[in-house]
Amino acid sequence: MVIKQRHDVSQALKDAQSARDAGVGMSGENRLAGFLDGAVLGAWLKEAGVAWSDTEAAKEVVKRKMMSGEFSKFRVWEGSF
């Protein structure tokens, strides 16, 4: 038996595109880095072997993945953090 899980991240991508178009989160001290779906975050943490409760390690996983070009469509602000 093969079980496949599918998850639609199109809403997160649409939200990120709308925020980029509107210029939301592009200025000020606090910037909106991007939108991330919970299922994607769960997959990233599982791939990295990080528990949900380890917030510091989870922050590093998210930072590394969001800064990579592979997931740039989730980003709103293109600066580095």
N, C-alpha and C. Protein backbone atom coordinates (compact mmCIF):
# COMPACT_ATOMS: atom_id res chain seq x y z
N MET A 1 0.83 -1.15 0.00
CA MET A 1 0.00 0.00 0.00
C MET A 1 0.90 1.24 0.00
N VAL A 2 0.55 2.21 -0.81
CA VAL A 2 1.28 3.47 -0.90
C VAL A 2 0.33 4.59 -0.51
N ILE A 3 0.74 5.38 0.46
CA ILE A 3 -0.06 6.51 0.90
C ILE A 3 0.65 7.78 0.46
N LYS A 4 -0.07 8.62 -0.24
CA LYS A 4 0.49 9.88 -0.70
C LYS A 4 -0.26 11.01 -0.02
N GLN A 5 0.49 11.94 0.49
CA GLN A 5 -0.11 13.13 1.07
C GLN A 5 0.11 14.29 0.12
N ARG A 6 -0.95 15.00 -0.12
CA ARG A 6 -0.85 16.18 -0.98
C ARG A 6 -1.37 17.37 -0.20
N HIS A 7 -0.74 18.48 -0.45
CA HIS A 7 -1.16 19.70 0.23
C HIS A 7 -1.06 20.85 -0.76
N ASP A 8 -2.08 21.67 -0.78
CA ASP A 8 -2.13 22.80 -1.71
C ASP A 8 -1.58 24.05 -1.03
N VAL A 9 -0.46 24.54 -1.51
CA VAL A 9 0.16 25.74 -0.94
C VAL A 9 -0.14 26.97 -1.77
N SER A 10 -1.07 26.85 -2.69
CA SER A 10 -1.35 27.97 -3.59
C SER A 10 -1.84 29.21 -2.84
N GLN A 11 -2.56 29.03 -1.73
CA GLN A 11 -3.04 30.20 -0.98
C GLN A 11 -1.89 30.98 -0.38
N ALA A 12 -0.89 30.29 0.16
CA ALA A 12 0.28 30.97 0.72
C ALA A 12 1.03 31.71 -0.39
N LEU A 13 1.12 31.11 -1.56
CA LEU A 13 1.79 31.77 -2.69
C LEU A 13 1.01 33.00 -3.15
N LYS A 14 -0.33 32.89 -3.18
CA LYS A 14 -1.16 34.04 -3.56
C LYS A 14 -1.04 35.16 -2.54
N ASP A 15 -1.04 34.80 -1.25
CA ASP A 15 -0.91 35.81 -0.20
C ASP A 15 0.43 36.54 -0.30
N ALA A 16 1.49 35.80 -0.57
CA ALA A 16 2.82 36.41 -0.71
C ALA A 16 2.86 37.35 -1.91
N GLN A 17 2.28 36.92 -3.02
CA GLN A 17 2.25 37.75 -4.23
C GLN A 17 1.43 39.02 -3.99
N SER A 18 0.29 38.88 -3.33
CA SER A 18 -0.55 40.05 -3.03
C SER A 18 0.18 41.03 -2.12
N ALA A 19 0.88 40.53 -1.13
CA ALA A 19 1.63 41.39 -0.22
C ALA A 19 2.77 42.10 -0.95
N ARG A 20 3.46 41.38 -1.85
CA ARG A 20 4.53 42.01 -2.64
C ARG A 20 3.95 43.11 -3.52
N ASP A 21 2.82 42.84 -4.17
CA ASP A 21 2.20 43.83 -5.05
C ASP A 21 1.74 45.07 -4.29
N ALA A 22 1.26 44.87 -3.06
CA ALA A 22 0.76 45.98 -2.25
C ALA A 22 1.87 46.69 -1.49
N GLY A 23 3.05 46.11 -1.45
CA GLY A 23 4.16 46.72 -0.74
C GLY A 23 4.06 46.55 0.77
N VAL A 24 3.32 45.56 1.22
CA VAL A 24 3.12 45.31 2.65
C VAL A 24 4.39 44.72 3.25
N GLY A 25 4.77 45.21 4.41
CA GLY A 25 5.90 44.66 5.14
C GLY A 25 7.26 44.97 4.55
N MET A 26 7.35 45.97 3.70
CA MET A 26 8.61 46.29 3.04
C MET A 26 9.40 47.39 3.75
N SER A 27 8.79 48.06 4.72
CA SER A 27 9.48 49.16 5.37
C SER A 27 9.29 49.07 6.88
N GLY A 28 10.03 49.88 7.58
CA GLY A 28 9.94 49.90 9.03
C GLY A 28 10.95 48.95 9.66
N GLU A 29 10.90 48.88 10.97
CA GLU A 29 11.83 48.03 11.70
C GLU A 29 11.50 46.55 11.56
N ASN A 30 10.22 46.23 11.57
CA ASN A 30 9.78 44.83 11.43
C ASN A 30 9.35 44.58 9.99
N ARG A 31 9.96 43.60 9.35
CA ARG A 31 9.67 43.29 7.95
C ARG A 31 8.92 41.97 7.87
N LEU A 32 8.08 41.85 6.86
CA LEU A 32 7.36 40.61 6.60
C LEU A 32 8.22 39.78 5.66
N ALA A 33 8.85 38.76 6.20
CA ALA A 33 9.75 37.92 5.40
C ALA A 33 8.97 37.10 4.39
N GLY A 34 7.82 36.59 4.78
CA GLY A 34 7.04 35.79 3.84
C GLY A 34 5.90 35.06 4.51
N PHE A 35 5.20 34.28 3.71
CA PHE A 35 4.09 33.46 4.18
C PHE A 35 4.52 32.01 4.06
N LEU A 36 4.20 31.23 5.08
CA LEU A 36 4.60 29.83 5.08
C LEU A 36 3.44 28.99 5.58
N ASP A 37 3.10 27.98 4.83
CA ASP A 37 2.05 27.06 5.19
C ASP A 37 2.55 26.10 6.27
N GLY A 38 1.70 25.74 7.20
CA GLY A 38 2.07 24.85 8.29
C GLY A 38 2.54 23.48 7.82
N ALA A 39 1.94 22.97 6.75
CA ALA A 39 2.35 21.67 6.23
C ALA A 39 3.76 21.72 5.65
N VAL A 40 4.10 22.83 5.03
CA VAL A 40 5.44 23.00 4.48
C VAL A 40 6.44 23.10 5.62
N LEU A 41 6.10 23.86 6.65
CA LEU A 41 6.97 23.97 7.81
C LEU A 41 7.18 22.61 8.46
N GLY A 42 6.12 21.85 8.60
CA GLY A 42 6.24 20.51 9.17
C GLY A 42 7.15 19.61 8.37
N ALA A 43 7.05 19.69 7.04
CA ALA A 43 7.91 18.89 6.17
C ALA A 43 9.37 19.32 6.31
N TRP A 44 9.61 20.63 6.38
CA TRP A 44 10.97 21.14 6.53
C TRP A 44 11.59 20.68 7.84
N LEU A 45 10.81 20.76 8.93
CA LEU A 45 11.32 20.35 10.23
C LEU A 45 11.59 18.85 10.27
N LYS A 46 10.70 18.09 9.67
CA LYS A 46 10.90 16.64 9.63
C LYS A 46 12.14 16.28 8.82
N GLU A 47 12.32 16.95 7.70
CA GLU A 47 13.49 16.73 6.84
C GLU A 47 14.79 17.04 7.58
N ALA A 48 14.76 18.10 8.40
CA ALA A 48 15.95 18.51 9.14
C ALA A 48 16.12 17.75 10.45
N GLY A 49 15.12 16.97 10.84
CA GLY A 49 15.19 16.23 12.10
C GLY A 49 15.04 17.13 13.32
N VAL A 50 14.25 18.18 13.17
CA VAL A 50 14.06 19.15 14.25
C VAL A 50 12.64 19.00 14.81
N ALA A 51 12.52 19.03 16.11
CA ALA A 51 11.22 18.94 16.76
C ALA A 51 10.52 20.29 16.73
N TRP A 52 9.18 20.27 16.72
CA TRP A 52 8.41 21.50 16.74
C TRP A 52 8.72 22.33 17.98
N SER A 53 9.03 21.68 19.07
CA SER A 53 9.26 22.38 20.33
C SER A 53 10.63 23.07 20.40
N ASP A 54 11.54 22.71 19.51
CA ASP A 54 12.87 23.33 19.49
C ASP A 54 12.81 24.59 18.63
N THR A 55 12.38 25.69 19.25
CA THR A 55 12.11 26.90 18.49
C THR A 55 13.36 27.52 17.85
N GLU A 56 14.47 27.47 18.53
CA GLU A 56 15.69 28.07 17.97
C GLU A 56 16.15 27.30 16.72
N ALA A 57 16.12 25.99 16.78
CA ALA A 57 16.51 25.19 15.62
C ALA A 57 15.49 25.36 14.49
N ALA A 58 14.21 25.48 14.84
CA ALA A 58 13.17 25.68 13.83
C ALA A 58 13.36 27.01 13.12
N LYS A 59 13.75 28.05 13.88
CA LYS A 59 14.02 29.36 13.27
C LYS A 59 15.15 29.26 12.25
N GLU A 60 16.17 28.51 12.59
CA GLU A 60 17.31 28.35 11.67
C GLU A 60 16.90 27.59 10.41
N VAL A 61 16.06 26.58 10.57
CA VAL A 61 15.59 25.81 9.41
C VAL A 61 14.79 26.72 8.48
N VAL A 62 13.87 27.49 9.06
CA VAL A 62 13.04 28.40 8.27
C VAL A 62 13.90 29.45 7.59
N LYS A 63 14.85 30.01 8.31
CA LYS A 63 15.73 31.03 7.73
C LYS A 63 16.52 30.47 6.55
N ARG A 64 17.10 29.29 6.74
CA ARG A 64 17.89 28.67 5.67
C ARG A 64 17.04 28.37 4.43
N LYS A 65 15.85 27.82 4.65
CA LYS A 65 14.98 27.47 3.53
C LYS A 65 14.43 28.71 2.83
N MET A 66 14.03 29.72 3.61
CA MET A 66 13.46 30.92 3.00
C MET A 66 14.51 31.72 2.24
N MET A 67 15.75 31.66 2.67
CA MET A 67 16.81 32.39 1.98
C MET A 67 17.28 31.67 0.72
N SER A 68 16.96 30.39 0.59
CA SER A 68 17.36 29.66 -0.61
C SER A 68 16.47 30.09 -1.78
N GLY A 69 17.00 30.05 -2.96
CA GLY A 69 16.25 30.45 -4.14
C GLY A 69 15.10 29.52 -4.48
N GLU A 70 15.16 28.31 -3.96
CA GLU A 70 14.14 27.31 -4.27
C GLU A 70 12.76 27.70 -3.74
N PHE A 71 12.71 28.43 -2.64
CA PHE A 71 11.45 28.79 -2.01
C PHE A 71 11.21 30.29 -2.02
N SER A 72 11.76 30.98 -2.98
CA SER A 72 11.66 32.44 -3.02
C SER A 72 10.23 32.94 -3.26
N LYS A 73 9.36 32.12 -3.80
CA LYS A 73 7.99 32.56 -4.05
C LYS A 73 7.19 32.74 -2.77
N PHE A 74 7.66 32.16 -1.66
CA PHE A 74 7.02 32.35 -0.37
C PHE A 74 7.43 33.68 0.26
N ARG A 75 8.48 34.30 -0.26
CA ARG A 75 9.04 35.52 0.33
C ARG A 75 8.24 36.74 -0.08
N VAL A 76 8.16 37.70 0.83
CA VAL A 76 7.56 39.01 0.52
C VAL A 76 8.69 40.03 0.44
N TRP A 77 9.46 40.13 1.51
CA TRP A 77 10.59 41.05 1.56
C TRP A 77 11.81 40.30 1.08
N GLU A 78 12.54 40.85 0.16
CA GLU A 78 13.68 40.17 -0.46
C GLU A 78 15.00 40.41 0.24
N GLY A 79 15.01 41.15 1.33
CA GLY A 79 16.25 41.41 2.06
C GLY A 79 16.68 40.18 2.85
N SER A 80 17.83 40.31 3.51
CA SER A 80 18.31 39.18 4.31
C SER A 80 17.95 39.41 5.78
N PHE A 81 17.77 38.34 6.49
CA PHE A 81 17.45 38.42 7.92
C PHE A 81 18.24 37.41 8.69
